[in-house]
Amino acid sequence: MNEPLNDRLVSVVIPTYNRSKQVVEAVRSVLDQTWMECEVIVVDDGSNDDTQQMLGRFGNKIRYIKTKNHGVSAARNRGIREARGQWLAFLDSDDLWQPSKISQQMDALHKTSADVCFCMSVDEDGLALDDLPLMNSSTSEAEIRHYPRGDCSIFLYHRHPFVQSMLIRKSCLHQKAPFDETLHVAEDTKLIYQTILSYGFVVIKQPLVCIQRRRFEPGLSDDMNAEAAYKRYDCYLRVQVHAYRKLLKIDGVSARFVKRNMAYFSSRLAEIACALGCRDAAISHAYGGLGMWGGMKCLMRNLLVIAAYPISHFWFSRKWCMQPVNHVV
């Protein structure tokens, strides 16, 4: 029986916002794929630069969708809804793929009968990014490893694969909005965690993705403004809590590791709430963090907020509201 044609089609979703020059290069890296059955869906999240004109040069080689500015999660979700392929991949508008990325991943998926595949990543200088710690230095180049459903090894590390390296069967994304649009950051972490727990994954020890680390403008994760930081760390904590509740039922060791992450983010929220002058919230976060062991620094941070709030407020407000700040508490 012949394989349905659309089972070979990979829909590549590229969200973008005011990156007219970078997105052109990202699109080219997809059009240059050796895997011929790719559709490129660019979701323009309300850009006010010349993005539409720059992308117009590709004509019908891409599908261009212009939306109001609702954030990267909403843009990716729109792209997913528009996708015609059985497979989905995601690329940020300032990142690039190696030409063989999709071909190698489809081959790995076929060999292992897996539904999800990741690969290695490098930065713009060619330096390896530690996004797949499970693929340690002793493994051979180009090795393919399969981690079945129920394997929680990835939760024992601080990092996880980049969403830009993921290739996933579309039917695995059951929710109407797979990327959580209530999260300002870590929406990719939540989706990757859910995917790994539900389906397992296969990884290729090949650097097939280039992640742009140098930015023309500071990104959300670089912002030292206290209000922005509070929203950011609140998202991080919410994602870890979500993973912890799932892991408690299936893997106690991984759950304990994730709980350490929760302790860290709780102590950071205590610190930032303190900087903002929100005493009740700061102390609440600090006491919450005391119930979880996240290391000596987390413990001291929480105790400082509880026992010496006025001093803590002075210290942390300088850290989060004045530039530049180079030290870490």
C-alpha atoms as a PDB file:
ATOM      1  CA  MET A   1       0.000   0.000   0.000  1.00  0.00           C
ATOM      2  CA  ASN A   2       1.454   3.375  -0.987  1.00  0.00           C
ATOM      3  CA  GLU A   3       2.350   5.869   1.744  1.00  0.00           C
ATOM      4  CA  PRO A   4       0.007   8.884   1.658  1.00  0.00           C
ATOM      5  CA  LEU A   5       1.714  11.869   0.100  1.00  0.00           C
ATOM      6  CA  ASN A   6       0.977  14.204   3.012  1.00  0.00           C
ATOM      7  CA  ASP A   7       2.691  11.803   5.417  1.00  0.00           C
ATOM      8  CA  ARG A   8       5.963  12.985   3.885  1.00  0.00           C
ATOM      9  CA  LEU A   9       5.078  16.682   4.050  1.00  0.00           C
ATOM     10  CA  VAL A  10       6.849  18.662   6.776  1.00  0.00           C
ATOM     11  CA  SER A  11       5.196  21.951   7.733  1.00  0.00           C
ATOM     12  CA  VAL A  12       7.779  24.420   9.015  1.00  0.00           C
ATOM     13  CA  VAL A  13       6.372  27.222  11.187  1.00  0.00           C
ATOM     14  CA  ILE A  14       8.446  30.413  11.453  1.00  0.00           C
ATOM     15  CA  PRO A  15       7.065  33.127  13.753  1.00  0.00           C
ATOM     16  CA  THR A  16       8.567  36.576  13.254  1.00  0.00           C
ATOM     17  CA  TYR A  17       8.317  40.119  14.538  1.00  0.00           C
ATOM     18  CA  ASN A  18      10.325  43.024  13.089  1.00  0.00           C
ATOM     19  CA  ARG A  19      13.190  40.845  11.852  1.00  0.00           C
ATOM     20  CA  SER A  20      12.917  41.472   8.128  1.00  0.00           C
ATOM     21  CA  LYS A  21      16.552  40.749   7.313  1.00  0.00           C
ATOM     22  CA  GLN A  22      17.033  37.741   9.599  1.00  0.00           C
ATOM     23  CA  VAL A  23      13.775  36.038   8.620  1.00  0.00           C
ATOM     24  CA  VAL A  24      14.830  36.003   4.963  1.00  0.00           C
ATOM     25  CA  GLU A  25      17.911  33.955   5.880  1.00  0.00           C
ATOM     26  CA  ALA A  26      15.831  31.638   8.073  1.00  0.00           C
ATOM     27  CA  VAL A  27      13.413  31.008   5.207  1.00  0.00           C
ATOM     28  CA  ARG A  28      16.291  30.312   2.816  1.00  0.00           C
ATOM     29  CA  SER A  29      17.706  27.708   5.181  1.00  0.00           C
ATOM     30  CA  VAL A  30      14.375  25.849   4.978  1.00  0.00           C
ATOM     31  CA  LEU A  31      14.016  26.179   1.221  1.00  0.00           C
ATOM     32  CA  ASP A  32      17.547  24.778   0.892  1.00  0.00           C
ATOM     33  CA  GLN A  33      16.623  21.555   2.700  1.00  0.00           C
ATOM     34  CA  THR A  34      17.507  18.328   0.917  1.00  0.00           C
ATOM     35  CA  TRP A  35      14.110  16.994   2.036  1.00  0.00           C
ATOM     36  CA  MET A  36      11.951  18.256  -0.798  1.00  0.00           C
ATOM     37  CA  GLU A  37       8.505  17.869   0.792  1.00  0.00           C
ATOM     38  CA  CYS A  38       8.492  20.989   2.984  1.00  0.00           C
ATOM     39  CA  GLU A  39       5.997  23.809   3.244  1.00  0.00           C
ATOM     40  CA  VAL A  40       7.141  27.076   4.844  1.00  0.00           C
ATOM     41  CA  ILE A  41       4.596  28.976   6.923  1.00  0.00           C
ATOM     42  CA  VAL A  42       5.761  32.398   8.115  1.00  0.00           C
ATOM     43  CA  VAL A  43       3.469  33.956  10.722  1.00  0.00           C
ATOM     44  CA  ASP A  44       4.166  37.678  10.991  1.00  0.00           C
ATOM     45  CA  ASP A  45       3.143  38.674  14.515  1.00  0.00           C
ATOM     46  CA  GLY A  46       2.241  42.272  13.718  1.00  0.00           C
ATOM     47  CA  SER A  47       5.579  43.553  12.365  1.00  0.00           C
ATOM     48  CA  ASN A  48       5.750  47.251  11.500  1.00  0.00           C
ATOM     49  CA  ASP A  49       8.973  47.049   9.493  1.00  0.00           C
ATOM     50  CA  ASP A  50       9.436  45.862   5.885  1.00  0.00           C
ATOM     51  CA  THR A  51       9.019  42.148   6.685  1.00  0.00           C
ATOM     52  CA  GLN A  52       6.142  41.657   4.242  1.00  0.00           C
ATOM     53  CA  GLN A  53       8.043  43.303   1.391  1.00  0.00           C
ATOM     54  CA  MET A  54      11.237  41.333   2.090  1.00  0.00           C
ATOM     55  CA  LEU A  55       9.361  38.029   2.151  1.00  0.00           C
ATOM     56  CA  GLY A  56       7.456  38.903  -0.997  1.00  0.00           C
ATOM     57  CA  ARG A  57      10.512  37.931  -3.049  1.00  0.00           C
ATOM     58  CA  PHE A  58       9.800  34.258  -2.258  1.00  0.00           C
ATOM     59  CA  GLY A  59       6.394  34.398  -3.951  1.00  0.00           C
ATOM     60  CA  ASN A  60       4.420  31.160  -3.685  1.00  0.00           C
ATOM     61  CA  LYS A  61       7.409  29.269  -2.277  1.00  0.00           C
ATOM     62  CA  ILE A  62       6.157  30.228   1.207  1.00  0.00           C
ATOM     63  CA  ARG A  63       2.839  30.892   2.903  1.00  0.00           C
ATOM     64  CA  TYR A  64       2.844  34.319   4.555  1.00  0.00           C
ATOM     65  CA  ILE A  65       0.274  35.064   7.273  1.00  0.00           C
ATOM     66  CA  LYS A  66       0.028  38.512   8.894  1.00  0.00           C
ATOM     67  CA  THR A  67      -1.642  38.722  12.319  1.00  0.00           C
ATOM     68  CA  LYS A  68      -2.002  41.214  15.128  1.00  0.00           C
ATOM     69  CA  ASN A  69       0.736  41.174  17.749  1.00  0.00           C
ATOM     70  CA  HIS A  70      -0.187  38.434  20.257  1.00  0.00           C
ATOM     71  CA  GLY A  71       3.228  36.922  20.980  1.00  0.00           C
ATOM     72  CA  VAL A  72       5.305  34.004  19.774  1.00  0.00           C
ATOM     73  CA  SER A  73       3.044  31.287  21.208  1.00  0.00           C
ATOM     74  CA  ALA A  74      -0.017  32.615  19.409  1.00  0.00           C
ATOM     75  CA  ALA A  75       1.999  32.896  16.185  1.00  0.00           C
ATOM     76  CA  ARG A  76       3.228  29.309  16.429  1.00  0.00           C
ATOM     77  CA  ASN A  77      -0.262  28.053  17.243  1.00  0.00           C
ATOM     78  CA  ARG A  78      -1.651  29.856  14.190  1.00  0.00           C
ATOM     79  CA  GLY A  79       1.010  28.201  12.067  1.00  0.00           C
ATOM     80  CA  ILE A  80       0.099  24.781  13.474  1.00  0.00           C
ATOM     81  CA  ARG A  81      -3.556  25.303  12.598  1.00  0.00           C
ATOM     82  CA  GLU A  82      -2.584  26.258   9.036  1.00  0.00           C
ATOM     83  CA  ALA A  83      -0.198  23.304   8.577  1.00  0.00           C
ATOM     84  CA  ARG A  84      -1.057  20.779   5.858  1.00  0.00           C
ATOM     85  CA  GLY A  85       1.665  18.276   6.662  1.00  0.00           C
ATOM     86  CA  GLN A  86       1.642  15.284   8.966  1.00  0.00           C
ATOM     87  CA  TRP A  87       4.918  16.556  10.471  1.00  0.00           C
ATOM     88  CA  LEU A  88       5.731  19.849  12.172  1.00  0.00           C
ATOM     89  CA  ALA A  89       8.984  21.703  12.737  1.00  0.00           C
ATOM     90  CA  PHE A  90       9.638  25.122  14.239  1.00  0.00           C
ATOM     91  CA  LEU A  91      12.302  27.681  13.409  1.00  0.00           C
ATOM     92  CA  ASP A  92      12.776  31.100  15.006  1.00  0.00           C
ATOM     93  CA  SER A  93      13.210  33.912  12.526  1.00  0.00           C
ATOM     94  CA  ASP A  94      16.831  34.619  13.491  1.00  0.00           C
ATOM     95  CA  ASP A  95      18.031  30.997  13.512  1.00  0.00           C
ATOM     96  CA  LEU A  96      19.197  28.665  10.727  1.00  0.00           C
ATOM     97  CA  TRP A  97      19.122  24.994   9.754  1.00  0.00           C
ATOM     98  CA  GLN A  98      21.730  22.872   8.048  1.00  0.00           C
ATOM     99  CA  PRO A  99      20.465  21.621   4.651  1.00  0.00           C
ATOM    100  CA  SER A 100      20.215  17.986   5.776  1.00  0.00           C
ATOM    101  CA  LYS A 101      18.323  18.610   9.040  1.00  0.00           C
ATOM    102  CA  ILE A 102      14.890  17.393   7.990  1.00  0.00           C
ATOM    103  CA  SER A 103      16.244  14.511   5.874  1.00  0.00           C
ATOM    104  CA  GLN A 104      18.337  13.148   8.747  1.00  0.00           C
ATOM    105  CA  GLN A 105      15.490  13.504  11.214  1.00  0.00           C
ATOM    106  CA  MET A 106      12.938  11.823   8.969  1.00  0.00           C
ATOM    107  CA  ASP A 107      15.391   8.967   8.478  1.00  0.00           C
ATOM    108  CA  ALA A 108      15.838   8.628  12.263  1.00  0.00           C
ATOM    109  CA  LEU A 109      12.083   8.662  12.810  1.00  0.00           C
ATOM    110  CA  HIS A 110      11.611   5.970  10.174  1.00  0.00           C
ATOM    111  CA  LYS A 111      14.326   3.740  11.670  1.00  0.00           C
ATOM    112  CA  THR A 112      12.976   3.981  15.234  1.00  0.00           C
ATOM    113  CA  SER A 113       9.225   4.359  14.571  1.00  0.00           C
ATOM    114  CA  ALA A 114       9.348   7.363  16.908  1.00  0.00           C
ATOM    115  CA  ASP A 115       7.037  10.386  16.722  1.00  0.00           C
ATOM    116  CA  VAL A 116       9.462  13.047  17.967  1.00  0.00           C
ATOM    117  CA  CYS A 117      13.048  13.815  16.982  1.00  0.00           C
ATOM    118  CA  PHE A 118      15.647  16.309  18.219  1.00  0.00           C
ATOM    119  CA  CYS A 119      19.159  17.123  17.038  1.00  0.00           C
ATOM    120  CA  MET A 120      22.150  19.051  18.378  1.00  0.00           C
ATOM    121  CA  SER A 121      22.601  22.827  18.084  1.00  0.00           C
ATOM    122  CA  VAL A 122      25.490  25.285  17.804  1.00  0.00           C
ATOM    123  CA  ASP A 123      25.739  29.053  18.166  1.00  0.00           C
ATOM    124  CA  GLU A 124      26.708  31.468  15.389  1.00  0.00           C
ATOM    125  CA  ASP A 125      30.396  30.848  16.116  1.00  0.00           C
ATOM    126  CA  GLY A 126      29.971  27.098  15.686  1.00  0.00           C
ATOM    127  CA  LEU A 127      30.298  26.358  19.399  1.00  0.00           C
ATOM    128  CA  ALA A 128      28.195  23.439  20.636  1.00  0.00           C
ATOM    129  CA  LEU A 129      25.268  24.280  22.886  1.00  0.00           C
ATOM    130  CA  ASP A 130      24.614  21.857  25.725  1.00  0.00           C
ATOM    131  CA  ASP A 131      20.982  21.369  24.780  1.00  0.00           C
ATOM    132  CA  LEU A 132      21.100  17.569  24.616  1.00  0.00           C
ATOM    133  CA  PRO A 133      23.090  16.430  27.668  1.00  0.00           C
ATOM    134  CA  LEU A 134      21.836  12.881  27.171  1.00  0.00           C
ATOM    135  CA  MET A 135      24.120  12.664  24.145  1.00  0.00           C
ATOM    136  CA  ASN A 136      27.394  12.633  26.087  1.00  0.00           C
ATOM    137  CA  SER A 137      30.878  13.038  24.658  1.00  0.00           C
ATOM    138  CA  SER A 138      31.513   9.276  24.627  1.00  0.00           C
ATOM    139  CA  THR A 139      28.820   8.640  22.030  1.00  0.00           C
ATOM    140  CA  SER A 140      29.865   8.477  18.406  1.00  0.00           C
ATOM    141  CA  GLU A 141      29.260  11.235  15.883  1.00  0.00           C
ATOM    142  CA  ALA A 142      25.889  10.946  14.116  1.00  0.00           C
ATOM    143  CA  GLU A 143      24.643   8.364  16.621  1.00  0.00           C
ATOM    144  CA  ILE A 144      20.890   7.983  16.915  1.00  0.00           C
ATOM    145  CA  ARG A 145      19.446   7.171  20.326  1.00  0.00           C
ATOM    146  CA  HIS A 146      15.855   6.403  21.181  1.00  0.00           C
ATOM    147  CA  TYR A 147      14.300   7.244  24.550  1.00  0.00           C
ATOM    148  CA  PRO A 148      10.902   5.538  24.880  1.00  0.00           C
ATOM    149  CA  ARG A 149       7.834   6.880  26.596  1.00  0.00           C
ATOM    150  CA  GLY A 150       8.308   6.783  30.352  1.00  0.00           C
ATOM    151  CA  ASP A 151      12.056   7.533  30.217  1.00  0.00           C
ATOM    152  CA  CYS A 152      12.493  10.641  32.368  1.00  0.00           C
ATOM    153  CA  SER A 153      16.269  11.005  32.041  1.00  0.00           C
ATOM    154  CA  ILE A 154      16.015  14.455  30.476  1.00  0.00           C
ATOM    155  CA  PHE A 155      14.559  15.861  33.708  1.00  0.00           C
ATOM    156  CA  LEU A 156      17.827  15.150  35.518  1.00  0.00           C
ATOM    157  CA  TYR A 157      19.497  17.976  33.585  1.00  0.00           C
ATOM    158  CA  HIS A 158      19.057  21.735  33.678  1.00  0.00           C
ATOM    159  CA  ARG A 159      18.735  21.964  29.896  1.00  0.00           C
ATOM    160  CA  HIS A 160      16.440  20.439  27.327  1.00  0.00           C
ATOM    161  CA  PRO A 161      16.549  20.365  23.508  1.00  0.00           C
ATOM    162  CA  PHE A 162      15.701  23.540  21.633  1.00  0.00           C
ATOM    163  CA  VAL A 163      12.277  23.669  20.018  1.00  0.00           C
ATOM    164  CA  GLN A 164      14.092  24.787  16.840  1.00  0.00           C
ATOM    165  CA  SER A 165      15.575  21.283  16.654  1.00  0.00           C
ATOM    166  CA  MET A 166      12.289  19.421  17.102  1.00  0.00           C
ATOM    167  CA  LEU A 167      10.455  17.477  14.407  1.00  0.00           C
ATOM    168  CA  ILE A 168       7.140  16.065  15.629  1.00  0.00           C
ATOM    169  CA  ARG A 169       4.150  14.236  14.216  1.00  0.00           C
ATOM    170  CA  LYS A 170       1.275  16.714  14.099  1.00  0.00           C
ATOM    171  CA  SER A 171      -1.181  14.278  15.647  1.00  0.00           C
ATOM    172  CA  CYS A 172       0.882  14.373  18.861  1.00  0.00           C
ATOM    173  CA  LEU A 173      -0.281  17.948  19.469  1.00  0.00           C
ATOM    174  CA  HIS A 174      -3.818  17.314  20.641  1.00  0.00           C
ATOM    175  CA  GLN A 175      -4.545  20.661  22.264  1.00  0.00           C
ATOM    176  CA  LYS A 176      -6.177  23.484  20.352  1.00  0.00           C
ATOM    177  CA  ALA A 177      -3.259  25.714  21.377  1.00  0.00           C
ATOM    178  CA  PRO A 178      -0.208  23.470  22.001  1.00  0.00           C
ATOM    179  CA  PHE A 179       1.983  26.437  22.956  1.00  0.00           C
ATOM    180  CA  ASP A 180       0.618  27.943  26.184  1.00  0.00           C
ATOM    181  CA  GLU A 181      -0.315  31.530  25.299  1.00  0.00           C
ATOM    182  CA  THR A 182      -0.548  32.539  28.970  1.00  0.00           C
ATOM    183  CA  LEU A 183       3.221  32.096  29.356  1.00  0.00           C
ATOM    184  CA  HIS A 184       5.565  34.981  28.518  1.00  0.00           C
ATOM    185  CA  VAL A 185       8.534  32.596  28.400  1.00  0.00           C
ATOM    186  CA  ALA A 186       9.154  28.842  28.771  1.00  0.00           C
ATOM    187  CA  GLU A 187       6.208  27.950  26.555  1.00  0.00           C
ATOM    188  CA  ASP A 188       8.614  25.806  24.558  1.00  0.00           C
ATOM    189  CA  THR A 189       9.846  24.087  27.727  1.00  0.00           C
ATOM    190  CA  LYS A 190       6.296  23.166  28.721  1.00  0.00           C
ATOM    191  CA  LEU A 191       5.518  21.722  25.293  1.00  0.00           C
ATOM    192  CA  ILE A 192       8.776  19.773  25.116  1.00  0.00           C
ATOM    193  CA  TYR A 193       8.261  18.320  28.603  1.00  0.00           C
ATOM    194  CA  GLN A 194       4.706  17.255  27.745  1.00  0.00           C
ATOM    195  CA  THR A 195       5.844  15.731  24.464  1.00  0.00           C
ATOM    196  CA  ILE A 196       8.713  13.775  26.015  1.00  0.00           C
ATOM    197  CA  LEU A 197       6.513  12.376  28.776  1.00  0.00           C
ATOM    198  CA  SER A 198       3.737  11.380  26.378  1.00  0.00           C
ATOM    199  CA  TYR A 199       5.689   9.998  23.426  1.00  0.00           C
ATOM    200  CA  GLY A 200       9.389   9.651  24.187  1.00  0.00           C
ATOM    201  CA  PHE A 201      11.847  10.864  21.558  1.00  0.00           C
ATOM    202  CA  VAL A 202      14.812  10.071  19.353  1.00  0.00           C
ATOM    203  CA  VAL A 203      17.949  12.236  19.196  1.00  0.00           C
ATOM    204  CA  ILE A 204      20.637  12.654  16.556  1.00  0.00           C
ATOM    205  CA  LYS A 205      24.139  13.612  17.644  1.00  0.00           C
ATOM    206  CA  GLN A 206      24.591  16.044  14.779  1.00  0.00           C
ATOM    207  CA  PRO A 207      24.699  19.887  15.000  1.00  0.00           C
ATOM    208  CA  LEU A 208      21.971  20.642  12.475  1.00  0.00           C
ATOM    209  CA  VAL A 209      20.651  23.886  13.995  1.00  0.00           C
ATOM    210  CA  CYS A 210      22.365  27.273  14.448  1.00  0.00           C
ATOM    211  CA  ILE A 211      20.943  29.310  17.334  1.00  0.00           C
ATOM    212  CA  GLN A 212      21.577  33.057  17.209  1.00  0.00           C
ATOM    213  CA  ARG A 213      22.854  34.109  20.642  1.00  0.00           C
ATOM    214  CA  ARG A 214      23.982  37.645  19.826  1.00  0.00           C
ATOM    215  CA  ARG A 215      21.029  39.995  19.527  1.00  0.00           C
ATOM    216  CA  PHE A 216      20.705  43.444  17.999  1.00  0.00           C
ATOM    217  CA  GLU A 217      18.366  44.311  20.866  1.00  0.00           C
ATOM    218  CA  PRO A 218      18.070  42.742  24.349  1.00  0.00           C
ATOM    219  CA  GLY A 219      15.625  39.855  24.536  1.00  0.00           C
ATOM    220  CA  LEU A 220      13.098  39.158  27.266  1.00  0.00           C
ATOM    221  CA  SER A 221      15.514  36.920  29.157  1.00  0.00           C
ATOM    222  CA  ASP A 222      18.089  39.754  29.251  1.00  0.00           C
ATOM    223  CA  ASP A 223      15.739  42.293  30.825  1.00  0.00           C
ATOM    224  CA  MET A 224      16.825  43.379  34.304  1.00  0.00           C
ATOM    225  CA  ASN A 225      13.629  45.352  34.883  1.00  0.00           C
ATOM    226  CA  ALA A 226      12.079  43.915  38.035  1.00  0.00           C
ATOM    227  CA  GLU A 227       8.484  43.747  36.776  1.00  0.00           C
ATOM    228  CA  ALA A 228       9.514  41.957  33.583  1.00  0.00           C
ATOM    229  CA  ALA A 229      11.760  39.617  35.567  1.00  0.00           C
ATOM    230  CA  TYR A 230       8.954  38.754  37.995  1.00  0.00           C
ATOM    231  CA  LYS A 231       6.687  37.712  35.086  1.00  0.00           C
ATOM    232  CA  ARG A 232       9.559  35.707  33.597  1.00  0.00           C
ATOM    233  CA  TYR A 233      10.390  33.751  36.757  1.00  0.00           C
ATOM    234  CA  ASP A 234       6.715  33.205  37.499  1.00  0.00           C
ATOM    235  CA  CYS A 235       6.431  31.468  34.110  1.00  0.00           C
ATOM    236  CA  TYR A 236       9.515  29.362  34.832  1.00  0.00           C
ATOM    237  CA  LEU A 237       8.049  28.263  38.165  1.00  0.00           C
ATOM    238  CA  ARG A 238       4.647  27.437  36.685  1.00  0.00           C
ATOM    239  CA  VAL A 239       6.217  25.171  34.066  1.00  0.00           C
ATOM    240  CA  GLN A 240       8.329  23.357  36.666  1.00  0.00           C
ATOM    241  CA  VAL A 241       5.298  22.866  38.947  1.00  0.00           C
ATOM    242  CA  HIS A 242       3.362  21.412  36.006  1.00  0.00           C
ATOM    243  CA  ALA A 243       6.177  18.951  35.269  1.00  0.00           C
ATOM    244  CA  TYR A 244       6.616  18.081  38.960  1.00  0.00           C
ATOM    245  CA  ARG A 245       2.985  17.076  39.369  1.00  0.00           C
ATOM    246  CA  LYS A 246       3.231  14.713  36.407  1.00  0.00           C
ATOM    247  CA  LEU A 247       6.589  13.257  37.452  1.00  0.00           C
ATOM    248  CA  LEU A 248       5.420  12.551  41.015  1.00  0.00           C
ATOM    249  CA  LYS A 249       3.225   9.782  39.635  1.00  0.00           C
ATOM    250  CA  ILE A 250       5.875   8.087  37.511  1.00  0.00           C
ATOM    251  CA  ASP A 251       9.450   8.934  38.575  1.00  0.00           C
ATOM    252  CA  GLY A 252      10.349  10.085  42.072  1.00  0.00           C
ATOM    253  CA  VAL A 253      14.017  10.779  41.304  1.00  0.00           C
ATOM    254  CA  SER A 254      13.211  13.122  38.428  1.00  0.00           C
ATOM    255  CA  ALA A 255      10.461  14.750  40.488  1.00  0.00           C
ATOM    256  CA  ARG A 256      12.964  15.581  43.244  1.00  0.00           C
ATOM    257  CA  PHE A 257      15.304  17.167  40.724  1.00  0.00           C
ATOM    258  CA  VAL A 258      12.501  19.299  39.306  1.00  0.00           C
ATOM    259  CA  LYS A 259      11.566  20.274  42.852  1.00  0.00           C
ATOM    260  CA  ARG A 260      15.055  21.768  43.237  1.00  0.00           C
ATOM    261  CA  ASN A 261      14.299  23.902  40.196  1.00  0.00           C
ATOM    262  CA  MET A 262      11.058  24.987  41.848  1.00  0.00           C
ATOM    263  CA  ALA A 263      12.978  25.986  44.966  1.00  0.00           C
ATOM    264  CA  TYR A 264      15.371  28.099  42.905  1.00  0.00           C
ATOM    265  CA  PHE A 265      12.612  29.933  41.035  1.00  0.00           C
ATOM    266  CA  SER A 266      10.655  30.483  44.271  1.00  0.00           C
ATOM    267  CA  SER A 267      13.680  32.129  45.868  1.00  0.00           C
ATOM    268  CA  ARG A 268      14.178  34.304  42.791  1.00  0.00           C
ATOM    269  CA  LEU A 269      10.536  35.403  42.952  1.00  0.00           C
ATOM    270  CA  ALA A 270      11.042  36.277  46.609  1.00  0.00           C
ATOM    271  CA  GLU A 271      14.068  38.360  45.657  1.00  0.00           C
ATOM    272  CA  ILE A 272      12.317  40.199  42.827  1.00  0.00           C
ATOM    273  CA  ALA A 273       9.117  40.817  44.790  1.00  0.00           C
ATOM    274  CA  CYS A 274      11.369  42.266  47.487  1.00  0.00           C
ATOM    275  CA  ALA A 275      12.988  44.559  44.900  1.00  0.00           C
ATOM    276  CA  LEU A 276       9.520  45.735  43.850  1.00  0.00           C
ATOM    277  CA  GLY A 277       8.586  46.515  47.444  1.00  0.00           C
ATOM    278  CA  CYS A 278       5.880  43.821  47.585  1.00  0.00           C
ATOM    279  CA  ARG A 279       6.630  42.657  51.117  1.00  0.00           C
ATOM    280  CA  ASP A 280       3.795  40.140  51.520  1.00  0.00           C
ATOM    281  CA  ALA A 281       4.503  38.460  48.183  1.00  0.00           C
ATOM    282  CA  ALA A 282       8.246  38.402  48.851  1.00  0.00           C
ATOM    283  CA  ILE A 283       7.873  36.760  52.241  1.00  0.00           C
ATOM    284  CA  SER A 284       5.267  34.316  50.905  1.00  0.00           C
ATOM    285  CA  HIS A 285       7.624  33.191  48.140  1.00  0.00           C
ATOM    286  CA  ALA A 286      10.513  32.969  50.604  1.00  0.00           C
ATOM    287  CA  TYR A 287       8.582  30.746  53.014  1.00  0.00           C
ATOM    288  CA  GLY A 288       7.428  28.622  50.099  1.00  0.00           C
ATOM    289  CA  GLY A 289      11.036  28.206  49.036  1.00  0.00           C
ATOM    290  CA  LEU A 290      12.070  27.115  52.535  1.00  0.00           C
ATOM    291  CA  GLY A 291       9.884  24.049  52.111  1.00  0.00           C
ATOM    292  CA  MET A 292      12.035  22.904  49.178  1.00  0.00           C
ATOM    293  CA  TRP A 293      15.783  22.400  49.111  1.00  0.00           C
ATOM    294  CA  GLY A 294      17.375  24.271  46.232  1.00  0.00           C
ATOM    295  CA  GLY A 295      20.871  24.710  47.574  1.00  0.00           C
ATOM    296  CA  MET A 296      22.598  27.026  50.021  1.00  0.00           C
ATOM    297  CA  LYS A 297      22.206  30.168  47.895  1.00  0.00           C
ATOM    298  CA  CYS A 298      18.448  29.682  47.691  1.00  0.00           C
ATOM    299  CA  LEU A 299      18.258  29.105  51.435  1.00  0.00           C
ATOM    300  CA  MET A 300      20.264  32.247  52.235  1.00  0.00           C
ATOM    301  CA  ARG A 301      18.236  34.330  49.782  1.00  0.00           C
ATOM    302  CA  ASN A 302      14.965  33.246  51.401  1.00  0.00           C
ATOM    303  CA  LEU A 303      16.254  33.783  54.939  1.00  0.00           C
ATOM    304  CA  LEU A 304      17.542  37.239  54.017  1.00  0.00           C
ATOM    305  CA  VAL A 305      14.127  38.266  52.706  1.00  0.00           C
ATOM    306  CA  ILE A 306      12.327  36.912  55.796  1.00  0.00           C
ATOM    307  CA  ALA A 307      14.745  38.082  58.491  1.00  0.00           C
ATOM    308  CA  ALA A 308      15.986  41.381  57.047  1.00  0.00           C
ATOM    309  CA  TYR A 309      13.378  42.676  54.646  1.00  0.00           C
ATOM    310  CA  PRO A 310      14.396  46.396  54.681  1.00  0.00           C
ATOM    311  CA  ILE A 311      18.022  45.547  53.889  1.00  0.00           C
ATOM    312  CA  SER A 312      16.922  43.006  51.297  1.00  0.00           C
ATOM    313  CA  HIS A 313      14.679  45.554  49.624  1.00  0.00           C
ATOM    314  CA  PHE A 314      17.528  48.067  49.360  1.00  0.00           C
ATOM    315  CA  TRP A 315      19.967  45.472  48.019  1.00  0.00           C
ATOM    316  CA  PHE A 316      17.683  43.731  45.554  1.00  0.00           C
ATOM    317  CA  SER A 317      16.114  46.954  44.229  1.00  0.00           C
ATOM    318  CA  ARG A 318      19.593  48.117  43.246  1.00  0.00           C
ATOM    319  CA  LYS A 319      20.249  44.833  41.497  1.00  0.00           C
ATOM    320  CA  TRP A 320      17.037  44.737  39.468  1.00  0.00           C
ATOM    321  CA  CYS A 321      16.293  48.396  38.834  1.00  0.00           C
ATOM    322  CA  MET A 322      19.689  50.000  38.218  1.00  0.00           C
ATOM    323  CA  GLN A 323      22.079  49.408  35.324  1.00  0.00           C
ATOM    324  CA  PRO A 324      24.625  48.006  34.990  1.00  0.00           C
ATOM    325  CA  VAL A 325      24.610  45.171  37.508  1.00  0.00           C
ATOM    326  CA  ASN A 326      27.239  42.459  37.193  1.00  0.00           C
ATOM    327  CA  HIS A 327      27.024  40.583  40.477  1.00  0.00           C
ATOM    328  CA  VAL A 328      24.671  37.783  41.454  1.00  0.00           C
ATOM    329  CA  VAL A 329      23.199  37.441  44.892  1.00  0.00           C
END
